[in-house]
Structure formats: structure tokens, C-alpha cells
Amino acid sequence: RASAGLIISEATNISRQGRGYAFTPGIYTDA
């Protein structure tokens, strides 16, 4: 889908506390 002028990623959890749905990605650890 990279031909889009701009991709806005799927909503990405900032912390474990910020998570509300299983199997959604995070952006707060090395992994």
C-alpha cells in the first residue's frame, strides 16, 4: 500500500495500560 502519498499506521499502543484490544501492536519496547 506504499503508493499512498502518506500511510498513517494502524493505531499503536503507547503502553500496556493504553491497550484495549488484543493483538494490536505497540511502540514502547525494544521488541
All heavy atoms as atom14 arrays in JSON, in Angstrom:
{
  "sequence": "RASAGLIISEATNISRQGRGYAFTPGIYTDA",
  "atom14_mask": [
    [1, 1, 1, 1, 1, 1, 1, 1, 1, 1, 1, 0, 0, 0],
    [1, 1, 1, 1, 1, 0, 0, 0, 0, 0, 0, 0, 0, 0],
    [1, 1, 1, 1, 1, 1, 0, 0, 0, 0, 0, 0, 0, 0],
    [1, 1, 1, 1, 1, 0, 0, 0, 0, 0, 0, 0, 0, 0],
    [1, 1, 1, 1, 0, 0, 0, 0, 0, 0, 0, 0, 0, 0],
    [1, 1, 1, 1, 1, 1, 1, 1, 0, 0, 0, 0, 0, 0],
    [1, 1, 1, 1, 1, 1, 1, 1, 0, 0, 0, 0, 0, 0],
    [1, 1, 1, 1, 1, 1, 1, 1, 0, 0, 0, 0, 0, 0],
    [1, 1, 1, 1, 1, 1, 0, 0, 0, 0, 0, 0, 0, 0],
    [1, 1, 1, 1, 1, 1, 1, 1, 1, 0, 0, 0, 0, 0],
    [1, 1, 1, 1, 1, 0, 0, 0, 0, 0, 0, 0, 0, 0],
    [1, 1, 1, 1, 1, 1, 1, 0, 0, 0, 0, 0, 0, 0],
    [1, 1, 1, 1, 1, 1, 1, 1, 0, 0, 0, 0, 0, 0],
    [1, 1, 1, 1, 1, 1, 1, 1, 0, 0, 0, 0, 0, 0],
    [1, 1, 1, 1, 1, 1, 0, 0, 0, 0, 0, 0, 0, 0],
    [1, 1, 1, 1, 1, 1, 1, 1, 1, 1, 1, 0, 0, 0],
    [1, 1, 1, 1, 1, 1, 1, 1, 1, 0, 0, 0, 0, 0],
    [1, 1, 1, 1, 0, 0, 0, 0, 0, 0, 0, 0, 0, 0],
    [1, 1, 1, 1, 1, 1, 1, 1, 1, 1, 1, 0, 0, 0],
    [1, 1, 1, 1, 0, 0, 0, 0, 0, 0, 0, 0, 0, 0],
    [1, 1, 1, 1, 1, 1, 1, 1, 1, 1, 1, 1, 0, 0],
    [1, 1, 1, 1, 1, 0, 0, 0, 0, 0, 0, 0, 0, 0],
    [1, 1, 1, 1, 1, 1, 1, 1, 1, 1, 1, 0, 0, 0],
    [1, 1, 1, 1, 1, 1, 1, 0, 0, 0, 0, 0, 0, 0],
    [1, 1, 1, 1, 1, 1, 1, 0, 0, 0, 0, 0, 0, 0],
    [1, 1, 1, 1, 0, 0, 0, 0, 0, 0, 0, 0, 0, 0],
    [1, 1, 1, 1, 1, 1, 1, 1, 0, 0, 0, 0, 0, 0],
    [1, 1, 1, 1, 1, 1, 1, 1, 1, 1, 1, 1, 0, 0],
    [1, 1, 1, 1, 1, 1, 1, 0, 0, 0, 0, 0, 0, 0],
    [1, 1, 1, 1, 1, 1, 1, 1, 0, 0, 0, 0, 0, 0],
    [1, 1, 1, 1, 1, 0, 0, 0, 0, 0, 0, 0, 0, 0]
  ],
  "atom14_positions": [
    [[0.81, -1.21, 0.0], [0.0, 0.0, 0.0], [0.85, 1.28, 0.0], [0.34, 2.37, 0.24], [-0.95, -0.04, 1.22], [-2.01, -1.13, 1.03], [-2.57, -1.7, 2.31], [-3.57, -2.72, 2.01], [-3.27, -3.99, 1.69], [-2.02, -4.4, 1.67], [-4.23, -4.85, 1.39], [0.0, 0.0, 0.0], [0.0, 0.0, 0.0], [0.0, 0.0, 0.0]],
    [[2.15, 1.14, -0.3], [3.08, 2.26, -0.2], [2.91, 3.31, -1.28], [3.55, 4.36, -1.23], [4.52, 1.74, -0.21], [0.0, 0.0, 0.0], [0.0, 0.0, 0.0], [0.0, 0.0, 0.0], [0.0, 0.0, 0.0], [0.0, 0.0, 0.0], [0.0, 0.0, 0.0], [0.0, 0.0, 0.0], [0.0, 0.0, 0.0], [0.0, 0.0, 0.0]],
    [[2.03, 3.07, -2.27], [1.78, 4.11, -3.28], [0.93, 5.24, -2.73], [0.79, 6.29, -3.37], [1.12, 3.51, -4.51], [-0.11, 2.89, -4.17], [0.0, 0.0, 0.0], [0.0, 0.0, 0.0], [0.0, 0.0, 0.0], [0.0, 0.0, 0.0], [0.0, 0.0, 0.0], [0.0, 0.0, 0.0], [0.0, 0.0, 0.0], [0.0, 0.0, 0.0]],
    [[0.32, 5.06, -1.55], [-0.38, 6.17, -0.89], [0.6, 7.31, -0.66], [1.78, 7.08, -0.36], [-0.96, 5.71, 0.44], [0.0, 0.0, 0.0], [0.0, 0.0, 0.0], [0.0, 0.0, 0.0], [0.0, 0.0, 0.0], [0.0, 0.0, 0.0], [0.0, 0.0, 0.0], [0.0, 0.0, 0.0], [0.0, 0.0, 0.0], [0.0, 0.0, 0.0]],
    [[0.13, 8.53, -0.79], [1.01, 9.67, -0.52], [1.55, 9.63, 0.89], [2.72, 9.94, 1.14], [0.0, 0.0, 0.0], [0.0, 0.0, 0.0], [0.0, 0.0, 0.0], [0.0, 0.0, 0.0], [0.0, 0.0, 0.0], [0.0, 0.0, 0.0], [0.0, 0.0, 0.0], [0.0, 0.0, 0.0], [0.0, 0.0, 0.0], [0.0, 0.0, 0.0]],
    [[0.71, 9.22, 1.83], [1.11, 9.08, 3.23], [0.34, 7.93, 3.85], [-0.89, 7.88, 3.74], [0.82, 10.38, 4.01], [1.22, 10.4, 5.48], [2.74, 10.35, 5.63], [0.65, 11.62, 6.19], [0.0, 0.0, 0.0], [0.0, 0.0, 0.0], [0.0, 0.0, 0.0], [0.0, 0.0, 0.0], [0.0, 0.0, 0.0], [0.0, 0.0, 0.0]],
    [[1.05, 7.01, 4.48], [0.41, 5.94, 5.26], [0.39, 6.37, 6.71], [1.43, 6.74, 7.27], [1.16, 4.61, 5.12], [1.04, 4.05, 3.71], [0.63, 3.59, 6.13], [1.84, 2.77, 3.49], [0.0, 0.0, 0.0], [0.0, 0.0, 0.0], [0.0, 0.0, 0.0], [0.0, 0.0, 0.0], [0.0, 0.0, 0.0], [0.0, 0.0, 0.0]],
    [[-0.78, 6.33, 7.32], [-0.9, 6.5, 8.76], [-1.09, 5.11, 9.33], [-2.05, 4.41, 8.99], [-2.08, 7.41, 9.14], [-1.96, 8.75, 8.42], [-2.15, 7.61, 10.65], [-3.24, 9.57, 8.43], [0.0, 0.0, 0.0], [0.0, 0.0, 0.0], [0.0, 0.0, 0.0], [0.0, 0.0, 0.0], [0.0, 0.0, 0.0], [0.0, 0.0, 0.0]],
    [[-0.15, 4.67, 10.16], [-0.19, 3.29, 10.64], [-1.47, 3.02, 11.43], [-2.14, 3.93, 11.92], [1.01, 3.0, 11.55], [0.77, 3.46, 12.88], [0.0, 0.0, 0.0], [0.0, 0.0, 0.0], [0.0, 0.0, 0.0], [0.0, 0.0, 0.0], [0.0, 0.0, 0.0], [0.0, 0.0, 0.0], [0.0, 0.0, 0.0], [0.0, 0.0, 0.0]],
    [[-1.78, 1.74, 11.56], [-2.84, 1.35, 12.47], [-2.56, 1.92, 13.86], [-1.41, 2.19, 14.23], [-2.92, -0.17, 12.55], [-1.66, -0.82, 13.12], [-1.48, -2.24, 12.63], [-2.18, -3.13, 13.14], [-0.66, -2.45, 11.73], [0.0, 0.0, 0.0], [0.0, 0.0, 0.0], [0.0, 0.0, 0.0], [0.0, 0.0, 0.0], [0.0, 0.0, 0.0]],
    [[-3.6, 2.16, 14.63], [-3.43, 2.69, 15.98], [-2.49, 1.79, 16.77], [-2.66, 0.57, 16.79], [-4.79, 2.79, 16.67], [0.0, 0.0, 0.0], [0.0, 0.0, 0.0], [0.0, 0.0, 0.0], [0.0, 0.0, 0.0], [0.0, 0.0, 0.0], [0.0, 0.0, 0.0], [0.0, 0.0, 0.0], [0.0, 0.0, 0.0], [0.0, 0.0, 0.0]],
    [[-1.49, 2.41, 17.43], [-0.39, 1.67, 18.03], [-0.24, 2.07, 19.49], [-0.07, 3.25, 19.81], [0.91, 1.95, 17.24], [0.69, 1.62, 15.86], [2.06, 1.13, 17.76], [0.0, 0.0, 0.0], [0.0, 0.0, 0.0], [0.0, 0.0, 0.0], [0.0, 0.0, 0.0], [0.0, 0.0, 0.0], [0.0, 0.0, 0.0], [0.0, 0.0, 0.0]],
    [[-0.32, 1.09, 20.38], [-0.37, 1.35, 21.82], [0.92, 2.0, 22.31], [2.02, 1.52, 22.01], [-0.59, 0.04, 22.57], [-1.85, -0.67, 22.13], [-2.93, -0.1, 22.12], [-1.72, -1.94, 21.76], [0.0, 0.0, 0.0], [0.0, 0.0, 0.0], [0.0, 0.0, 0.0], [0.0, 0.0, 0.0], [0.0, 0.0, 0.0], [0.0, 0.0, 0.0]],
    [[0.77, 3.03, 23.15], [1.93, 3.72, 23.72], [2.42, 3.05, 24.99], [3.51, 3.37, 25.48], [1.64, 5.19, 24.01], [0.56, 5.32, 25.11], [1.23, 5.94, 22.74], [0.51, 6.67, 25.78], [0.0, 0.0, 0.0], [0.0, 0.0, 0.0], [0.0, 0.0, 0.0], [0.0, 0.0, 0.0], [0.0, 0.0, 0.0], [0.0, 0.0, 0.0]],
    [[1.62, 2.12, 25.53], [1.97, 1.46, 26.79], [1.05, 0.26, 26.97], [0.03, 0.14, 26.29], [1.8, 2.42, 27.98], [0.43, 2.77, 28.14], [0.0, 0.0, 0.0], [0.0, 0.0, 0.0], [0.0, 0.0, 0.0], [0.0, 0.0, 0.0], [0.0, 0.0, 0.0], [0.0, 0.0, 0.0], [0.0, 0.0, 0.0], [0.0, 0.0, 0.0]],
    [[1.38, -0.59, 27.93], [0.49, -1.71, 28.25], [-0.84, -1.17, 28.76], [-1.91, -1.68, 28.43], [1.16, -2.6, 29.31], [0.28, -3.72, 29.85], [-0.03, -4.79, 28.81], [-0.92, -5.81, 29.34], [-0.52, -6.9, 29.99], [0.78, -7.12, 30.18], [-1.4, -7.79, 30.44], [0.0, 0.0, 0.0], [0.0, 0.0, 0.0], [0.0, 0.0, 0.0]],
    [[-0.78, -0.11, 29.55], [-2.01, 0.5, 30.07], [-2.89, 1.02, 28.95], [-4.11, 1.04, 29.06], [-1.66, 1.64, 31.03], [-2.85, 2.28, 31.7], [-2.47, 3.61, 32.33], [-2.2, 4.59, 31.65], [-2.41, 3.62, 33.66], [0.0, 0.0, 0.0], [0.0, 0.0, 0.0], [0.0, 0.0, 0.0], [0.0, 0.0, 0.0], [0.0, 0.0, 0.0]],
    [[-2.27, 1.44, 27.85], [-3.02, 2.04, 26.75], [-3.74, 1.05, 25.87], [-4.48, 1.44, 24.96], [0.0, 0.0, 0.0], [0.0, 0.0, 0.0], [0.0, 0.0, 0.0], [0.0, 0.0, 0.0], [0.0, 0.0, 0.0], [0.0, 0.0, 0.0], [0.0, 0.0, 0.0], [0.0, 0.0, 0.0], [0.0, 0.0, 0.0], [0.0, 0.0, 0.0]],
    [[-3.57, -0.25, 26.12], [-4.12, -1.3, 25.26], [-5.56, -1.61, 25.6], [-5.9, -1.79, 26.77], [-3.27, -2.57, 25.4], [-3.62, -3.66, 24.42], [-2.63, -4.81, 24.49], [-2.75, -5.56, 25.74], [-2.63, -6.88, 25.82], [-2.38, -7.59, 24.74], [-2.73, -7.49, 26.98], [0.0, 0.0, 0.0], [0.0, 0.0, 0.0], [0.0, 0.0, 0.0]],
    [[-6.41, -1.69, 24.58], [-7.81, -2.01, 24.82], [-8.34, -3.16, 23.99], [-9.48, -3.58, 24.16], [0.0, 0.0, 0.0], [0.0, 0.0, 0.0], [0.0, 0.0, 0.0], [0.0, 0.0, 0.0], [0.0, 0.0, 0.0], [0.0, 0.0, 0.0], [0.0, 0.0, 0.0], [0.0, 0.0, 0.0], [0.0, 0.0, 0.0], [0.0, 0.0, 0.0]],
    [[-7.52, -3.65, 23.06], [-7.94, -4.74, 22.18], [-6.76, -5.7, 22.03], [-5.62, -5.26, 21.84], [-8.34, -4.21, 20.8], [-9.41, -3.14, 20.83], [-9.06, -1.8, 20.99], [-10.75, -3.46, 20.69], [-10.03, -0.8, 21.02], [-11.73, -2.47, 20.71], [-11.36, -1.15, 20.88], [-12.31, -0.17, 20.91], [0.0, 0.0, 0.0], [0.0, 0.0, 0.0]],
    [[-7.04, -6.98, 22.08], [-5.98, -7.97, 21.93], [-5.37, -7.92, 20.53], [-6.04, -7.58, 19.56], [-6.54, -9.37, 22.19], [0.0, 0.0, 0.0], [0.0, 0.0, 0.0], [0.0, 0.0, 0.0], [0.0, 0.0, 0.0], [0.0, 0.0, 0.0], [0.0, 0.0, 0.0], [0.0, 0.0, 0.0], [0.0, 0.0, 0.0], [0.0, 0.0, 0.0]],
    [[-4.08, -8.24, 20.47], [-3.36, -8.42, 19.2], [-3.19, -7.13, 18.41], [-3.0, -7.17, 17.19], [-4.01, -9.52, 18.35], [-4.31, -10.77, 19.13], [-5.61, -11.22, 19.3], [-3.29, -11.48, 19.74], [-5.9, -12.37, 20.04], [-3.56, -12.64, 20.49], [-4.86, -13.07, 20.64], [0.0, 0.0, 0.0], [0.0, 0.0, 0.0], [0.0, 0.0, 0.0]],
    [[-3.25, -6.0, 19.09], [-2.92, -4.72, 18.45], [-1.46, -4.4, 18.75], [-0.95, -4.75, 19.82], [-3.83, -3.59, 18.96], [-3.83, -3.58, 20.39], [-5.26, -3.78, 18.46], [0.0, 0.0, 0.0], [0.0, 0.0, 0.0], [0.0, 0.0, 0.0], [0.0, 0.0, 0.0], [0.0, 0.0, 0.0], [0.0, 0.0, 0.0], [0.0, 0.0, 0.0]],
    [[-0.75, -3.74, 17.84], [0.68, -3.53, 18.01], [1.0, -2.44, 19.02], [0.18, -1.54, 19.29], [1.16, -3.14, 16.61], [-0.03, -2.47, 16.01], [-1.23, -3.23, 16.54], [0.0, 0.0, 0.0], [0.0, 0.0, 0.0], [0.0, 0.0, 0.0], [0.0, 0.0, 0.0], [0.0, 0.0, 0.0], [0.0, 0.0, 0.0], [0.0, 0.0, 0.0]],
    [[2.22, -2.51, 19.57], [2.72, -1.48, 20.48], [3.93, -0.79, 19.89], [4.49, -1.21, 18.87], [0.0, 0.0, 0.0], [0.0, 0.0, 0.0], [0.0, 0.0, 0.0], [0.0, 0.0, 0.0], [0.0, 0.0, 0.0], [0.0, 0.0, 0.0], [0.0, 0.0, 0.0], [0.0, 0.0, 0.0], [0.0, 0.0, 0.0], [0.0, 0.0, 0.0]],
    [[4.36, 0.3, 20.56], [5.57, 1.02, 20.17], [6.24, 1.55, 21.44], [6.59, 2.71, 21.55], [5.26, 2.13, 19.14], [6.53, 2.74, 18.56], [4.31, 3.18, 19.72], [7.35, 1.82, 17.7], [0.0, 0.0, 0.0], [0.0, 0.0, 0.0], [0.0, 0.0, 0.0], [0.0, 0.0, 0.0], [0.0, 0.0, 0.0], [0.0, 0.0, 0.0]],
    [[6.42, 0.64, 22.43], [7.0, 1.08, 23.7], [8.11, 0.18, 24.21], [8.65, 0.42, 25.29], [5.92, 1.28, 24.76], [5.01, 0.09, 25.02], [5.31, -0.85, 26.01], [3.85, -0.08, 24.29], [4.48, -1.93, 26.27], [3.01, -1.16, 24.52], [3.32, -2.08, 25.51], [2.49, -3.15, 25.75], [0.0, 0.0, 0.0], [0.0, 0.0, 0.0]],
    [[8.47, -0.88, 23.46], [9.56, -1.76, 23.89], [10.55, -1.96, 22.73], [10.25, -1.65, 21.57], [9.04, -3.15, 24.3], [8.58, -3.85, 23.13], [7.91, -3.05, 25.32], [0.0, 0.0, 0.0], [0.0, 0.0, 0.0], [0.0, 0.0, 0.0], [0.0, 0.0, 0.0], [0.0, 0.0, 0.0], [0.0, 0.0, 0.0], [0.0, 0.0, 0.0]],
    [[11.71, -2.52, 23.06], [12.7, -2.82, 22.03], [12.14, -3.8, 21.01], [12.41, -3.68, 19.8], [13.96, -3.44, 22.67], [14.77, -2.45, 23.48], [14.55, -1.23, 23.32], [15.63, -2.89, 24.27], [0.0, 0.0, 0.0], [0.0, 0.0, 0.0], [0.0, 0.0, 0.0], [0.0, 0.0, 0.0], [0.0, 0.0, 0.0], [0.0, 0.0, 0.0]],
    [[11.35, -4.78, 21.48], [10.78, -5.77, 20.57], [9.81, -5.12, 19.59], [9.75, -5.5, 18.41], [10.07, -6.87, 21.36], [0.0, 0.0, 0.0], [0.0, 0.0, 0.0], [0.0, 0.0, 0.0], [0.0, 0.0, 0.0], [0.0, 0.0, 0.0], [0.0, 0.0, 0.0], [0.0, 0.0, 0.0], [0.0, 0.0, 0.0], [0.0, 0.0, 0.0]]
  ]
}
